[in-house]
Amino acid sequence: MNCKPGDLACIVRIWTGEPFVEAQLRTQLIGRFVRVVRLVSPSTWEIAEPIRVTIRIGSQAVEFVLKGIEDFALQPVRGLPVHDVQADEVSA
């Protein structure tokens, strides 16, 4: 698993499918930040704020709300550990 409950994560991948749908999902989702809440299946996270997505097929538009995202698509945002003294610093 990439994420843990409560993590802030960036969507870095999308699931594959029809090329024209995949391209639209990539444009709307890649780079978005989400807060993961809890696992709702062995590999899918519920997200704190659902994302509205619109897929255009010809002159038709299909809208849906994304309430969960698979773990493989997420990269958690975690800071580096903070230390009072950096061992590799050279004093001036």
Protein backbone atom coordinates (compact mmCIF):
# COMPACT_ATOMS: atom_id res chain seq x y z
CA MET A 1 0.00 0.00 0.00
CA ASN A 2 1.20 3.50 -0.85
CA CYS A 3 -1.10 5.41 1.51
CA LYS A 4 -2.23 5.31 5.12
CA PRO A 5 -5.49 6.71 6.52
CA GLY A 6 -5.33 10.49 6.79
CA ASP A 7 -2.55 10.92 4.20
CA LEU A 8 -2.57 13.78 1.75
CA ALA A 9 -1.82 12.22 -1.63
CA CYS A 10 -1.36 13.30 -5.22
CA ILE A 11 -3.05 11.43 -8.05
CA VAL A 12 -0.12 10.32 -10.23
CA ARG A 13 -1.68 7.57 -12.38
CA ILE A 14 -5.04 6.69 -13.81
CA TRP A 15 -6.57 3.37 -14.75
CA THR A 16 -6.41 2.46 -18.41
CA GLY A 17 -9.36 2.01 -20.71
CA GLU A 18 -10.64 3.62 -23.85
CA PRO A 19 -7.91 6.02 -25.07
CA PHE A 20 -10.22 9.05 -25.41
CA VAL A 21 -11.65 8.50 -21.91
CA GLU A 22 -8.19 7.88 -20.47
CA ALA A 23 -6.91 11.16 -21.94
CA GLN A 24 -9.79 13.11 -20.40
CA LEU A 25 -9.31 11.45 -17.01
CA ARG A 26 -5.59 12.18 -17.14
CA THR A 27 -6.28 15.88 -17.82
CA GLN A 28 -8.80 16.18 -14.99
CA LEU A 29 -7.16 14.00 -12.33
CA ILE A 30 -3.37 13.83 -12.62
CA GLY A 31 -1.80 16.29 -10.18
CA ARG A 32 -4.90 16.69 -7.99
CA PHE A 33 -4.40 16.35 -4.25
CA VAL A 34 -6.78 14.29 -2.13
CA ARG A 35 -7.01 13.29 1.53
CA VAL A 36 -7.48 9.54 1.94
CA VAL A 37 -9.93 8.56 4.66
CA ARG A 38 -10.21 4.79 4.85
CA LEU A 39 -9.97 1.65 2.76
CA VAL A 40 -13.30 0.68 1.23
CA SER A 41 -11.92 -2.39 -0.56
CA PRO A 42 -8.54 -4.13 -0.45
CA SER A 43 -7.05 -1.52 -2.80
CA THR A 44 -9.44 1.47 -2.93
CA TRP A 45 -9.39 4.52 -0.67
CA GLU A 46 -12.38 6.67 0.18
CA ILE A 47 -11.41 10.31 -0.34
CA ALA A 48 -12.46 13.18 1.94
CA GLU A 49 -13.84 15.40 -0.82
CA PRO A 50 -15.33 13.71 -3.89
CA ILE A 51 -14.16 14.91 -7.31
CA ARG A 52 -16.63 15.78 -10.07
CA VAL A 53 -15.45 14.45 -13.44
CA THR A 54 -16.91 15.15 -16.89
CA ILE A 55 -16.27 12.85 -19.83
CA ARG A 56 -17.23 14.13 -23.28
CA ILE A 57 -18.21 11.60 -25.90
CA GLY A 58 -19.04 13.40 -29.13
CA SER A 59 -21.64 16.04 -28.30
CA GLN A 60 -22.67 14.24 -25.10
CA ALA A 61 -21.20 14.86 -21.66
CA VAL A 62 -21.30 12.28 -18.89
CA GLU A 63 -20.68 13.57 -15.37
CA PHE A 64 -19.89 11.44 -12.36
CA VAL A 65 -18.54 11.91 -8.88
CA LEU A 66 -15.38 10.08 -7.89
CA LYS A 67 -15.61 9.10 -4.21
CA GLY A 68 -12.73 6.64 -4.09
CA ILE A 69 -9.38 6.09 -5.76
CA GLU A 70 -7.24 2.98 -6.06
CA ASP A 71 -4.02 2.96 -4.09
CA PHE A 72 -1.82 2.38 -7.17
CA ALA A 73 -2.91 5.79 -8.53
CA LEU A 74 -1.79 7.72 -5.45
CA GLN A 75 1.54 9.05 -4.21
CA PRO A 76 1.39 10.11 -0.55
CA VAL A 77 2.89 13.49 0.35
CA ARG A 78 5.13 13.02 3.35
CA GLY A 79 7.78 15.37 4.60
CA LEU A 80 11.34 14.47 5.45
CA PRO A 81 12.13 13.87 9.11
CA VAL A 82 13.20 17.03 10.92
CA HIS A 83 16.42 17.00 12.95
CA ASP A 84 17.84 19.75 15.15
CA VAL A 85 21.38 19.23 13.86
CA GLN A 86 22.33 18.08 10.39
CA ALA A 87 25.25 15.65 10.71
CA ASP A 88 26.52 16.36 7.20
CA GLU A 89 26.71 20.17 7.57
CA VAL A 90 30.08 21.89 7.61
CA SER A 91 30.45 24.88 9.91
CA ALA A 92 31.79 28.08 8.32
